[in-house]
Amino acid sequence: MKINSFKDLLVWEKAHTLVLEIYKMTQSFPGNEQFGLISQIRRSSISVCANIAEGYVKSKNDFIRFLDIARGSLEETKCHLILSKDLGYCSEAHFNKLFSLSDEVGKMLYSLKHNLRY
């Protein structure tokens, strides 16, 4: 398959799915988390997608750098997922689903970076 846009990258598709799932999950969080955990987890997950997209149109070296930024944002998102579970804001099953998807995105980011580098 020919890749004409960042939207054609499987890693972007998976990261986009993660964002959508996080938005769904956080709709049921307590209102007092509106400017706390809700905002933080949404922004960090969006950052993963955005950095893949922005890096795609840059030079190879810049794309690699943006993938590193995306990986950092993904780790931040995973930290927020753990907090969400520990605070009782999401079920163990929902946490496991999203954490597994996060791990999958992380492996794909690493693989893409490795393939670009070598």
N, C-alpha and C. Protein backbone atom coordinates (compact mmCIF):
# COMPACT_ATOMS: atom_id res chain seq x y z
N MET A 1 0.84 -1.18 0.00
CA MET A 1 0.00 0.00 0.00
C MET A 1 0.89 1.25 0.00
N LYS A 2 0.54 2.17 -0.86
CA LYS A 2 1.29 3.41 -0.94
C LYS A 2 0.85 4.35 0.18
N ILE A 3 1.82 5.01 0.76
CA ILE A 3 1.53 5.95 1.85
C ILE A 3 1.60 7.37 1.29
N ASN A 4 0.45 8.03 1.26
CA ASN A 4 0.36 9.38 0.71
C ASN A 4 0.19 10.44 1.79
N SER A 5 -0.11 10.00 2.99
CA SER A 5 -0.43 10.93 4.08
C SER A 5 -0.11 10.25 5.41
N PHE A 6 0.04 11.05 6.44
CA PHE A 6 0.25 10.47 7.77
C PHE A 6 -0.92 9.57 8.15
N LYS A 7 -2.12 9.85 7.61
CA LYS A 7 -3.30 9.04 7.93
C LYS A 7 -3.18 7.61 7.39
N ASP A 8 -2.27 7.39 6.45
CA ASP A 8 -2.05 6.05 5.90
C ASP A 8 -1.12 5.21 6.77
N LEU A 9 -0.49 5.83 7.76
CA LEU A 9 0.41 5.11 8.66
C LEU A 9 -0.40 4.34 9.70
N LEU A 10 -0.17 3.04 9.80
CA LEU A 10 -0.90 2.22 10.75
C LEU A 10 -0.69 2.70 12.18
N VAL A 11 0.51 3.17 12.48
CA VAL A 11 0.79 3.66 13.84
C VAL A 11 -0.07 4.88 14.15
N TRP A 12 -0.30 5.75 13.16
CA TRP A 12 -1.16 6.90 13.39
C TRP A 12 -2.60 6.44 13.61
N GLU A 13 -3.06 5.47 12.82
CA GLU A 13 -4.43 4.95 12.98
C GLU A 13 -4.64 4.40 14.39
N LYS A 14 -3.67 3.62 14.87
CA LYS A 14 -3.78 3.04 16.22
C LYS A 14 -3.75 4.14 17.29
N ALA A 15 -2.87 5.12 17.11
CA ALA A 15 -2.79 6.23 18.07
C ALA A 15 -4.08 7.04 18.07
N HIS A 16 -4.67 7.22 16.90
CA HIS A 16 -5.94 7.93 16.78
C HIS A 16 -7.05 7.17 17.51
N THR A 17 -7.06 5.86 17.35
CA THR A 17 -8.03 5.02 18.07
C THR A 17 -7.85 5.18 19.57
N LEU A 18 -6.61 5.22 20.03
CA LEU A 18 -6.33 5.41 21.45
C LEU A 18 -6.93 6.73 21.95
N VAL A 19 -6.75 7.80 21.19
CA VAL A 19 -7.31 9.10 21.58
C VAL A 19 -8.83 9.01 21.71
N LEU A 20 -9.47 8.42 20.71
CA LEU A 20 -10.93 8.31 20.75
C LEU A 20 -11.41 7.51 21.95
N GLU A 21 -10.71 6.43 22.25
CA GLU A 21 -11.07 5.59 23.41
C GLU A 21 -10.86 6.34 24.73
N ILE A 22 -9.80 7.13 24.79
CA ILE A 22 -9.54 7.92 26.00
C ILE A 22 -10.62 8.99 26.19
N TYR A 23 -11.03 9.62 25.10
CA TYR A 23 -12.11 10.59 25.21
C TYR A 23 -13.39 9.94 25.74
N LYS A 24 -13.71 8.75 25.23
CA LYS A 24 -14.90 8.03 25.71
C LYS A 24 -14.76 7.71 27.20
N MET A 25 -13.59 7.21 27.58
CA MET A 25 -13.38 6.81 28.97
C MET A 25 -13.51 8.00 29.91
N THR A 26 -12.93 9.14 29.54
CA THR A 26 -12.88 10.28 30.46
C THR A 26 -14.22 11.00 30.58
N GLN A 27 -15.17 10.69 29.72
CA GLN A 27 -16.50 11.30 29.84
C GLN A 27 -17.17 10.96 31.17
N SER A 28 -16.79 9.82 31.73
CA SER A 28 -17.41 9.40 33.00
C SER A 28 -16.57 9.76 34.23
N PHE A 29 -15.46 10.46 34.04
CA PHE A 29 -14.64 10.88 35.17
C PHE A 29 -15.37 11.95 35.98
N PRO A 30 -15.03 12.10 37.25
CA PRO A 30 -15.67 13.14 38.06
C PRO A 30 -15.38 14.54 37.52
N GLY A 31 -16.36 15.41 37.69
CA GLY A 31 -16.23 16.78 37.20
C GLY A 31 -15.04 17.53 37.76
N ASN A 32 -14.64 17.20 38.99
CA ASN A 32 -13.50 17.92 39.57
C ASN A 32 -12.18 17.58 38.89
N GLU A 33 -12.18 16.61 37.98
CA GLU A 33 -10.97 16.26 37.22
C GLU A 33 -10.92 16.95 35.86
N GLN A 34 -11.92 17.82 35.58
CA GLN A 34 -12.01 18.47 34.27
C GLN A 34 -10.71 19.16 33.88
N PHE A 35 -10.10 19.86 34.80
CA PHE A 35 -8.87 20.59 34.49
C PHE A 35 -7.63 19.88 35.04
N GLY A 36 -7.82 18.68 35.53
CA GLY A 36 -6.73 17.86 36.05
C GLY A 36 -6.47 16.69 35.14
N LEU A 37 -6.81 15.52 35.63
CA LEU A 37 -6.49 14.28 34.93
C LEU A 37 -7.16 14.19 33.55
N ILE A 38 -8.40 14.65 33.43
CA ILE A 38 -9.09 14.59 32.13
C ILE A 38 -8.29 15.37 31.09
N SER A 39 -7.96 16.60 31.43
CA SER A 39 -7.22 17.45 30.51
C SER A 39 -5.85 16.86 30.18
N GLN A 40 -5.16 16.37 31.20
CA GLN A 40 -3.81 15.86 31.01
C GLN A 40 -3.77 14.62 30.11
N ILE A 41 -4.66 13.66 30.36
CA ILE A 41 -4.62 12.42 29.59
C ILE A 41 -5.09 12.66 28.15
N ARG A 42 -6.04 13.56 27.98
CA ARG A 42 -6.48 13.88 26.62
C ARG A 42 -5.36 14.57 25.85
N ARG A 43 -4.72 15.54 26.47
CA ARG A 43 -3.66 16.28 25.77
C ARG A 43 -2.46 15.40 25.45
N SER A 44 -2.08 14.54 26.38
CA SER A 44 -0.91 13.69 26.10
C SER A 44 -1.21 12.68 25.01
N SER A 45 -2.43 12.15 24.98
CA SER A 45 -2.77 11.19 23.92
C SER A 45 -2.87 11.88 22.56
N ILE A 46 -3.44 13.08 22.53
CA ILE A 46 -3.50 13.84 21.28
C ILE A 46 -2.09 14.14 20.78
N SER A 47 -1.19 14.41 21.69
CA SER A 47 0.19 14.73 21.32
C SER A 47 0.86 13.58 20.57
N VAL A 48 0.50 12.35 20.89
CA VAL A 48 1.07 11.20 20.18
C VAL A 48 0.70 11.30 18.71
N CYS A 49 -0.59 11.44 18.42
CA CYS A 49 -1.07 11.55 17.03
C CYS A 49 -0.48 12.77 16.32
N ALA A 50 -0.51 13.89 17.01
CA ALA A 50 -0.07 15.14 16.40
C ALA A 50 1.41 15.10 16.03
N ASN A 51 2.23 14.50 16.87
CA ASN A 51 3.66 14.43 16.57
C ASN A 51 3.97 13.47 15.43
N ILE A 52 3.20 12.40 15.31
CA ILE A 52 3.35 11.51 14.16
C ILE A 52 3.01 12.28 12.89
N ALA A 53 1.89 13.00 12.92
CA ALA A 53 1.44 13.76 11.75
C ALA A 53 2.43 14.86 11.38
N GLU A 54 2.86 15.62 12.36
CA GLU A 54 3.78 16.73 12.08
C GLU A 54 5.12 16.21 11.59
N GLY A 55 5.62 15.18 12.22
CA GLY A 55 6.91 14.63 11.82
C GLY A 55 6.90 14.04 10.42
N TYR A 56 5.76 13.53 10.00
CA TYR A 56 5.64 12.89 8.69
C TYR A 56 6.03 13.82 7.55
N VAL A 57 5.73 15.11 7.68
CA VAL A 57 6.01 16.06 6.59
C VAL A 57 7.39 16.70 6.71
N LYS A 58 8.16 16.28 7.69
CA LYS A 58 9.49 16.85 7.90
C LYS A 58 10.56 15.96 7.26
N SER A 59 11.80 16.34 7.43
CA SER A 59 12.91 15.52 6.96
C SER A 59 12.96 14.22 7.76
N LYS A 60 13.73 13.26 7.26
CA LYS A 60 13.83 11.98 7.95
C LYS A 60 14.33 12.15 9.39
N ASN A 61 15.37 12.96 9.57
CA ASN A 61 15.90 13.16 10.93
C ASN A 61 14.89 13.86 11.84
N ASP A 62 14.16 14.82 11.28
CA ASP A 62 13.13 15.48 12.08
C ASP A 62 12.00 14.51 12.41
N PHE A 63 11.62 13.67 11.45
CA PHE A 63 10.56 12.69 11.70
C PHE A 63 10.96 11.78 12.86
N ILE A 64 12.20 11.35 12.87
CA ILE A 64 12.70 10.51 13.96
C ILE A 64 12.57 11.25 15.30
N ARG A 65 12.92 12.53 15.30
CA ARG A 65 12.82 13.34 16.52
C ARG A 65 11.37 13.46 16.98
N PHE A 66 10.46 13.67 16.03
CA PHE A 66 9.05 13.77 16.38
C PHE A 66 8.50 12.44 16.88
N LEU A 67 9.00 11.33 16.35
CA LEU A 67 8.59 10.02 16.86
C LEU A 67 9.04 9.84 18.31
N ASP A 68 10.23 10.36 18.63
CA ASP A 68 10.70 10.31 20.02
C ASP A 68 9.78 11.13 20.94
N ILE A 69 9.35 12.29 20.45
CA ILE A 69 8.43 13.12 21.24
C ILE A 69 7.11 12.37 21.42
N ALA A 70 6.64 11.73 20.36
CA ALA A 70 5.40 10.95 20.44
C ALA A 70 5.53 9.83 21.47
N ARG A 71 6.69 9.18 21.50
CA ARG A 71 6.92 8.11 22.48
C ARG A 71 6.88 8.66 23.91
N GLY A 72 7.44 9.84 24.10
CA GLY A 72 7.39 10.47 25.42
C GLY A 72 5.96 10.79 25.84
N SER A 73 5.18 11.31 24.91
CA SER A 73 3.78 11.60 25.19
C SER A 73 2.99 10.33 25.46
N LEU A 74 3.35 9.26 24.78
CA LEU A 74 2.68 7.98 25.01
C LEU A 74 2.96 7.47 26.42
N GLU A 75 4.19 7.59 26.87
CA GLU A 75 4.53 7.16 28.23
C GLU A 75 3.78 8.01 29.26
N GLU A 76 3.64 9.30 28.98
CA GLU A 76 2.85 10.16 29.86
C GLU A 76 1.40 9.68 29.90
N THR A 77 0.86 9.34 28.75
CA THR A 77 -0.51 8.83 28.67
C THR A 77 -0.66 7.56 29.49
N LYS A 78 0.32 6.67 29.40
CA LYS A 78 0.27 5.42 30.16
C LYS A 78 0.29 5.69 31.67
N CYS A 79 1.05 6.67 32.08
CA CYS A 79 1.08 7.06 33.50
C CYS A 79 -0.30 7.55 33.94
N HIS A 80 -0.95 8.36 33.10
CA HIS A 80 -2.29 8.84 33.41
C HIS A 80 -3.31 7.70 33.44
N LEU A 81 -3.12 6.71 32.57
CA LEU A 81 -4.02 5.54 32.59
C LEU A 81 -3.90 4.80 33.92
N ILE A 82 -2.67 4.63 34.38
CA ILE A 82 -2.44 3.96 35.67
C ILE A 82 -3.14 4.73 36.80
N LEU A 83 -2.97 6.05 36.80
CA LEU A 83 -3.63 6.87 37.82
C LEU A 83 -5.15 6.74 37.74
N SER A 84 -5.68 6.72 36.53
CA SER A 84 -7.13 6.58 36.34
C SER A 84 -7.65 5.29 36.95
N LYS A 85 -6.91 4.22 36.75
CA LYS A 85 -7.30 2.93 37.32
C LYS A 85 -7.17 2.97 38.84
N ASP A 86 -6.04 3.45 39.32
CA ASP A 86 -5.78 3.46 40.76
C ASP A 86 -6.76 4.35 41.52
N LEU A 87 -7.27 5.39 40.88
CA LEU A 87 -8.24 6.27 41.51
C LEU A 87 -9.67 5.74 41.37
N GLY A 88 -9.82 4.63 40.67
CA GLY A 88 -11.14 4.03 40.51
C GLY A 88 -12.00 4.67 39.44
N TYR A 89 -11.37 5.42 38.53
CA TYR A 89 -12.12 6.11 37.48
C TYR A 89 -12.41 5.22 36.28
N CYS A 90 -11.67 4.11 36.16
CA CYS A 90 -11.93 3.17 35.07
C CYS A 90 -11.77 1.75 35.59
N SER A 91 -12.43 0.84 34.94
CA SER A 91 -12.38 -0.57 35.36
C SER A 91 -11.04 -1.19 34.98
N GLU A 92 -10.74 -2.28 35.62
CA GLU A 92 -9.52 -3.04 35.31
C GLU A 92 -9.54 -3.48 33.84
N ALA A 93 -10.71 -3.94 33.37
CA ALA A 93 -10.82 -4.41 31.98
C ALA A 93 -10.58 -3.28 30.99
N HIS A 94 -11.17 -2.12 31.25
CA HIS A 94 -10.97 -0.97 30.36
C HIS A 94 -9.52 -0.51 30.40
N PHE A 95 -8.95 -0.47 31.59
CA PHE A 95 -7.54 -0.12 31.73
C PHE A 95 -6.67 -1.08 30.91
N ASN A 96 -6.90 -2.38 31.05
CA ASN A 96 -6.09 -3.37 30.34
C ASN A 96 -6.20 -3.20 28.83
N LYS A 97 -7.39 -2.92 28.35
CA LYS A 97 -7.60 -2.71 26.91
C LYS A 97 -6.79 -1.51 26.42
N LEU A 98 -6.89 -0.39 27.12
CA LEU A 98 -6.20 0.82 26.68
C LEU A 98 -4.69 0.73 26.90
N PHE A 99 -4.28 0.09 27.98
CA PHE A 99 -2.85 -0.05 28.22
C PHE A 99 -2.23 -0.96 27.16
N SER A 100 -2.94 -2.00 26.77
CA SER A 100 -2.47 -2.91 25.72
C SER A 100 -2.36 -2.16 24.39
N LEU A 101 -3.35 -1.34 24.07
CA LEU A 101 -3.31 -0.53 22.85
C LEU A 101 -2.14 0.44 22.91
N SER A 102 -1.89 1.02 24.07
CA SER A 102 -0.75 1.93 24.24
C SER A 102 0.57 1.20 24.00
N ASP A 103 0.68 0.00 24.54
CA ASP A 103 1.90 -0.80 24.31
C ASP A 103 2.09 -1.09 22.82
N GLU A 104 0.99 -1.40 22.14
CA GLU A 104 1.07 -1.68 20.71
C GLU A 104 1.55 -0.46 19.94
N VAL A 105 1.01 0.70 20.27
CA VAL A 105 1.44 1.94 19.63
C VAL A 105 2.92 2.19 19.91
N GLY A 106 3.35 1.96 21.14
CA GLY A 106 4.76 2.15 21.49
C GLY A 106 5.69 1.27 20.69
N LYS A 107 5.32 0.02 20.51
CA LYS A 107 6.14 -0.90 19.71
C LYS A 107 6.19 -0.45 18.26
N MET A 108 5.07 0.04 17.76
CA MET A 108 5.03 0.51 16.37
C MET A 108 5.87 1.77 16.20
N LEU A 109 5.84 2.67 17.17
CA LEU A 109 6.67 3.87 17.10
C LEU A 109 8.15 3.50 17.10
N TYR A 110 8.52 2.58 17.97
CA TYR A 110 9.91 2.13 18.04
C TYR A 110 10.33 1.50 16.72
N SER A 111 9.49 0.65 16.16
CA SER A 111 9.80 -0.04 14.91
C SER A 111 9.95 0.96 13.76
N LEU A 112 9.03 1.91 13.68
CA LEU A 112 9.11 2.92 12.62
C LEU A 112 10.38 3.73 12.75
N LYS A 113 10.70 4.14 13.95
CA LYS A 113 11.93 4.90 14.18
C LYS A 113 13.16 4.08 13.77
N HIS A 114 13.18 2.83 14.17
CA HIS A 114 14.30 1.95 13.83
C HIS A 114 14.43 1.80 12.31
N ASN A 115 13.31 1.61 11.63
CA ASN A 115 13.35 1.44 10.17
C ASN A 115 13.78 2.71 9.46
N LEU A 116 13.42 3.86 9.99
CA LEU A 116 13.85 5.12 9.39
C LEU A 116 15.34 5.36 9.61
N ARG A 117 15.82 4.94 10.75
CA ARG A 117 17.21 5.19 11.11
C ARG A 117 18.16 4.28 10.33
N TYR A 118 17.77 3.03 10.09
CA TYR A 118 18.70 2.06 9.49
C TYR A 118 18.25 1.59 8.16
